Amino acid sequence: MNKVFGFLIFIIIIISLTPKKVVAQDDPNWIILSQVMFGEERETDFGLKIAPPIFTEQIREKTGEIITLDGFIYPLEGAKASKYFVLSMKPIATCFFCGKAGPETVVEVYAKDKIEYTEELITLKGKFMVNEFSTTGVIYMLDEAEIIDE
């Protein structure tokens, strides 16, 4: 009996120590956004080759809607707090820009107010938009975003 009890305590400790960094991957909106397909590559004005996104009907239905997304801040302006950054489904170690994830895992964010940088998982609420003609590779945007305290 003591072995079973000890094993259960061990499992509970392991579960409690597991970082919540994978939680964003279970967000229903990220699951929908990951359904995007990509067409044949084309060359951009910058000489880069980018495959144009082909959005599913579910993604198109979300366009213009207020949605929530869990994710991680990737600062773009070098400030501790910013109104403009990228929100990623994955932590920085496995980011899109590092080559370990696709463009469907990030959203360009334009916040109402400055949002403080953190390495922790956050939840944002904002107006979802698609960017069909992106030359940067970022195909989703969240406008007028606000952080939601949970």
C-alpha atoms as a PDB file:
ATOM      1  CA  MET A   1       0.000   0.000   0.000  1.00  0.00           C
ATOM      2  CA  ASN A   2       2.845   2.395   0.820  1.00  0.00           C
ATOM      3  CA  LYS A   3       4.365   1.806  -2.642  1.00  0.00           C
ATOM      4  CA  VAL A   4       1.082   2.699  -4.355  1.00  0.00           C
ATOM      5  CA  PHE A   5       0.675   5.796  -2.192  1.00  0.00           C
ATOM      6  CA  GLY A   6       4.281   6.829  -2.857  1.00  0.00           C
ATOM      7  CA  PHE A   7       3.826   6.333  -6.595  1.00  0.00           C
ATOM      8  CA  LEU A   8       0.660   8.478  -6.591  1.00  0.00           C
ATOM      9  CA  ILE A   9       2.452  11.251  -4.695  1.00  0.00           C
ATOM     10  CA  PHE A  10       5.317  11.050  -7.216  1.00  0.00           C
ATOM     11  CA  ILE A  11       2.891  11.389 -10.158  1.00  0.00           C
ATOM     12  CA  ILE A  12       1.129  14.359  -8.532  1.00  0.00           C
ATOM     13  CA  ILE A  13       4.472  16.114  -7.973  1.00  0.00           C
ATOM     14  CA  ILE A  14       5.558  15.521 -11.579  1.00  0.00           C
ATOM     15  CA  ILE A  15       2.251  16.862 -12.912  1.00  0.00           C
ATOM     16  CA  SER A  16       2.453  19.944 -10.700  1.00  0.00           C
ATOM     17  CA  LEU A  17       6.012  20.663 -11.856  1.00  0.00           C
ATOM     18  CA  THR A  18       5.151  20.331 -15.539  1.00  0.00           C
ATOM     19  CA  PRO A  19       5.322  23.805 -17.066  1.00  0.00           C
ATOM     20  CA  LYS A  20       2.142  25.211 -18.506  1.00  0.00           C
ATOM     21  CA  LYS A  21       4.013  26.203 -21.656  1.00  0.00           C
ATOM     22  CA  VAL A  22       2.169  23.589 -23.716  1.00  0.00           C
ATOM     23  CA  VAL A  23      -1.273  24.843 -22.711  1.00  0.00           C
ATOM     24  CA  ALA A  24      -1.464  27.324 -25.612  1.00  0.00           C
ATOM     25  CA  GLN A  25      -1.303  24.417 -28.037  1.00  0.00           C
ATOM     26  CA  ASP A  26      -4.663  23.217 -26.696  1.00  0.00           C
ATOM     27  CA  ASP A  27      -6.374  26.584 -27.267  1.00  0.00           C
ATOM     28  CA  PRO A  28      -9.347  25.909 -29.612  1.00  0.00           C
ATOM     29  CA  ASN A  29      -8.583  29.018 -31.670  1.00  0.00           C
ATOM     30  CA  TRP A  30      -4.974  27.926 -32.307  1.00  0.00           C
ATOM     31  CA  ILE A  31      -6.313  24.548 -33.436  1.00  0.00           C
ATOM     32  CA  ILE A  32      -8.537  26.300 -35.999  1.00  0.00           C
ATOM     33  CA  LEU A  33      -5.716  28.620 -37.136  1.00  0.00           C
ATOM     34  CA  SER A  34      -3.407  25.643 -37.661  1.00  0.00           C
ATOM     35  CA  GLN A  35      -5.724  24.335 -40.403  1.00  0.00           C
ATOM     36  CA  VAL A  36      -4.387  26.857 -42.951  1.00  0.00           C
ATOM     37  CA  MET A  37      -2.870  25.414 -46.123  1.00  0.00           C
ATOM     38  CA  PHE A  38      -0.257  27.018 -48.369  1.00  0.00           C
ATOM     39  CA  GLY A  39      -0.163  27.432 -52.144  1.00  0.00           C
ATOM     40  CA  GLU A  40       2.773  27.474 -54.514  1.00  0.00           C
ATOM     41  CA  GLU A  41       5.696  29.690 -53.511  1.00  0.00           C
ATOM     42  CA  ARG A  42       5.995  33.142 -55.061  1.00  0.00           C
ATOM     43  CA  GLU A  43       8.755  35.705 -54.855  1.00  0.00           C
ATOM     44  CA  THR A  44       8.146  38.873 -52.814  1.00  0.00           C
ATOM     45  CA  ASP A  45       9.435  42.402 -53.366  1.00  0.00           C
ATOM     46  CA  PHE A  46      12.242  41.573 -50.924  1.00  0.00           C
ATOM     47  CA  GLY A  47      13.436  38.598 -52.969  1.00  0.00           C
ATOM     48  CA  LEU A  48      12.039  36.084 -50.482  1.00  0.00           C
ATOM     49  CA  LYS A  49       9.928  33.162 -51.575  1.00  0.00           C
ATOM     50  CA  ILE A  50       6.661  32.874 -49.650  1.00  0.00           C
ATOM     51  CA  ALA A  51       3.841  30.411 -50.179  1.00  0.00           C
ATOM     52  CA  PRO A  52       0.481  32.249 -50.075  1.00  0.00           C
ATOM     53  CA  PRO A  53      -1.929  31.102 -47.366  1.00  0.00           C
ATOM     54  CA  ILE A  54      -5.150  29.305 -48.247  1.00  0.00           C
ATOM     55  CA  PHE A  55      -7.561  29.906 -45.371  1.00  0.00           C
ATOM     56  CA  THR A  56     -10.255  27.394 -44.442  1.00  0.00           C
ATOM     57  CA  GLU A  57     -13.882  28.449 -44.083  1.00  0.00           C
ATOM     58  CA  GLN A  58     -13.537  28.182 -40.279  1.00  0.00           C
ATOM     59  CA  ILE A  59     -10.635  30.648 -40.337  1.00  0.00           C
ATOM     60  CA  ARG A  60     -12.482  33.054 -42.653  1.00  0.00           C
ATOM     61  CA  GLU A  61     -15.536  32.954 -40.341  1.00  0.00           C
ATOM     62  CA  LYS A  62     -13.344  34.191 -37.471  1.00  0.00           C
ATOM     63  CA  THR A  63     -12.133  37.207 -39.487  1.00  0.00           C
ATOM     64  CA  GLY A  64     -13.428  40.403 -37.912  1.00  0.00           C
ATOM     65  CA  GLU A  65     -14.573  38.587 -34.751  1.00  0.00           C
ATOM     66  CA  ILE A  66     -13.334  39.238 -31.231  1.00  0.00           C
ATOM     67  CA  ILE A  67     -11.419  36.123 -30.162  1.00  0.00           C
ATOM     68  CA  THR A  68      -9.112  35.079 -27.339  1.00  0.00           C
ATOM     69  CA  LEU A  69      -5.718  33.444 -27.811  1.00  0.00           C
ATOM     70  CA  ASP A  70      -3.300  31.974 -25.294  1.00  0.00           C
ATOM     71  CA  GLY A  71       0.341  32.428 -26.145  1.00  0.00           C
ATOM     72  CA  PHE A  72       3.791  33.827 -25.559  1.00  0.00           C
ATOM     73  CA  ILE A  73       5.042  37.344 -26.290  1.00  0.00           C
ATOM     74  CA  TYR A  74       7.848  37.812 -28.815  1.00  0.00           C
ATOM     75  CA  PRO A  75       8.908  41.450 -28.448  1.00  0.00           C
ATOM     76  CA  LEU A  76       9.669  43.341 -31.655  1.00  0.00           C
ATOM     77  CA  GLU A  77      10.592  46.779 -30.358  1.00  0.00           C
ATOM     78  CA  GLY A  78      13.122  46.011 -27.622  1.00  0.00           C
ATOM     79  CA  ALA A  79      10.973  47.597 -24.908  1.00  0.00           C
ATOM     80  CA  LYS A  80       9.740  46.060 -21.658  1.00  0.00           C
ATOM     81  CA  ALA A  81       6.186  46.984 -22.604  1.00  0.00           C
ATOM     82  CA  SER A  82       4.821  47.448 -26.089  1.00  0.00           C
ATOM     83  CA  LYS A  83       1.661  47.876 -28.148  1.00  0.00           C
ATOM     84  CA  TYR A  84       3.194  45.954 -31.069  1.00  0.00           C
ATOM     85  CA  PHE A  85       4.576  42.425 -30.783  1.00  0.00           C
ATOM     86  CA  VAL A  86       4.037  38.867 -31.937  1.00  0.00           C
ATOM     87  CA  LEU A  87       2.025  36.346 -29.934  1.00  0.00           C
ATOM     88  CA  SER A  88       3.105  32.755 -30.462  1.00  0.00           C
ATOM     89  CA  MET A  89       1.436  29.470 -29.709  1.00  0.00           C
ATOM     90  CA  LYS A  90       4.883  28.132 -28.794  1.00  0.00           C
ATOM     91  CA  PRO A  91       7.575  29.346 -26.398  1.00  0.00           C
ATOM     92  CA  ILE A  92      10.555  31.205 -27.868  1.00  0.00           C
ATOM     93  CA  ALA A  93      12.714  28.055 -27.887  1.00  0.00           C
ATOM     94  CA  THR A  94      10.461  26.538 -30.586  1.00  0.00           C
ATOM     95  CA  CYS A  95       9.390  29.707 -32.351  1.00  0.00           C
ATOM     96  CA  PHE A  96       8.375  30.193 -35.979  1.00  0.00           C
ATOM     97  CA  PHE A  97      11.260  32.594 -36.576  1.00  0.00           C
ATOM     98  CA  CYS A  98      13.723  29.978 -35.262  1.00  0.00           C
ATOM     99  CA  GLY A  99      12.546  27.499 -37.887  1.00  0.00           C
ATOM    100  CA  LYS A 100      10.806  25.065 -35.536  1.00  0.00           C
ATOM    101  CA  ALA A 101       7.184  26.007 -36.264  1.00  0.00           C
ATOM    102  CA  GLY A 102       5.075  27.367 -39.105  1.00  0.00           C
ATOM    103  CA  PRO A 103       3.528  30.782 -39.740  1.00  0.00           C
ATOM    104  CA  GLU A 104       0.193  29.476 -38.449  1.00  0.00           C
ATOM    105  CA  THR A 105       1.672  29.501 -34.928  1.00  0.00           C
ATOM    106  CA  VAL A 106       2.087  33.290 -34.649  1.00  0.00           C
ATOM    107  CA  VAL A 107      -0.161  36.354 -34.677  1.00  0.00           C
ATOM    108  CA  GLU A 108       0.918  39.966 -35.179  1.00  0.00           C
ATOM    109  CA  VAL A 109      -0.537  41.961 -32.268  1.00  0.00           C
ATOM    110  CA  TYR A 110      -1.610  45.605 -32.173  1.00  0.00           C
ATOM    111  CA  ALA A 111      -2.642  46.230 -28.565  1.00  0.00           C
ATOM    112  CA  LYS A 112      -4.908  48.997 -27.226  1.00  0.00           C
ATOM    113  CA  ASP A 113      -2.429  49.729 -24.440  1.00  0.00           C
ATOM    114  CA  LYS A 114       1.160  48.705 -23.796  1.00  0.00           C
ATOM    115  CA  ILE A 115       1.466  45.131 -22.574  1.00  0.00           C
ATOM    116  CA  GLU A 116       4.335  44.221 -20.272  1.00  0.00           C
ATOM    117  CA  TYR A 117       6.713  41.541 -21.584  1.00  0.00           C
ATOM    118  CA  THR A 118       6.670  38.220 -19.752  1.00  0.00           C
ATOM    119  CA  GLU A 119       7.969  34.737 -20.480  1.00  0.00           C
ATOM    120  CA  GLU A 120       4.769  33.323 -19.014  1.00  0.00           C
ATOM    121  CA  LEU A 121       1.732  32.203 -20.964  1.00  0.00           C
ATOM    122  CA  ILE A 122      -0.783  35.044 -21.410  1.00  0.00           C
ATOM    123  CA  THR A 123      -4.291  35.349 -22.841  1.00  0.00           C
ATOM    124  CA  LEU A 124      -5.203  38.138 -25.244  1.00  0.00           C
ATOM    125  CA  LYS A 125      -8.573  39.247 -26.557  1.00  0.00           C
ATOM    126  CA  GLY A 126      -8.842  41.222 -29.784  1.00  0.00           C
ATOM    127  CA  LYS A 127     -10.238  41.548 -33.292  1.00  0.00           C
ATOM    128  CA  PHE A 128      -8.908  38.722 -35.487  1.00  0.00           C
ATOM    129  CA  MET A 129      -7.804  39.466 -39.055  1.00  0.00           C
ATOM    130  CA  VAL A 130      -6.105  37.467 -41.803  1.00  0.00           C
ATOM    131  CA  ASN A 131      -3.312  38.847 -43.972  1.00  0.00           C
ATOM    132  CA  GLU A 132      -3.587  37.135 -47.345  1.00  0.00           C
ATOM    133  CA  PHE A 133      -0.895  39.257 -48.961  1.00  0.00           C
ATOM    134  CA  SER A 134       1.733  39.165 -46.237  1.00  0.00           C
ATOM    135  CA  THR A 135       5.291  39.784 -47.357  1.00  0.00           C
ATOM    136  CA  THR A 136       6.636  39.106 -43.867  1.00  0.00           C
ATOM    137  CA  GLY A 137       5.218  35.617 -43.473  1.00  0.00           C
ATOM    138  CA  VAL A 138       2.909  36.609 -40.599  1.00  0.00           C
ATOM    139  CA  ILE A 139      -0.558  35.665 -41.840  1.00  0.00           C
ATOM    140  CA  TYR A 140      -2.709  36.491 -38.794  1.00  0.00           C
ATOM    141  CA  MET A 141      -3.293  39.720 -36.860  1.00  0.00           C
ATOM    142  CA  LEU A 142      -4.991  40.582 -33.582  1.00  0.00           C
ATOM    143  CA  ASP A 143      -6.092  44.231 -33.496  1.00  0.00           C
ATOM    144  CA  GLU A 144      -7.117  46.310 -30.452  1.00  0.00           C
ATOM    145  CA  ALA A 145      -5.819  43.473 -28.270  1.00  0.00           C
ATOM    146  CA  GLU A 146      -6.132  43.477 -24.498  1.00  0.00           C
ATOM    147  CA  ILE A 147      -4.613  41.147 -21.946  1.00  0.00           C
ATOM    148  CA  ILE A 148      -7.079  39.058 -19.978  1.00  0.00           C
ATOM    149  CA  ASP A 149      -6.211  38.304 -16.367  1.00  0.00           C
ATOM    150  CA  GLU A 150      -7.167  34.768 -15.455  1.00  0.00           C
END
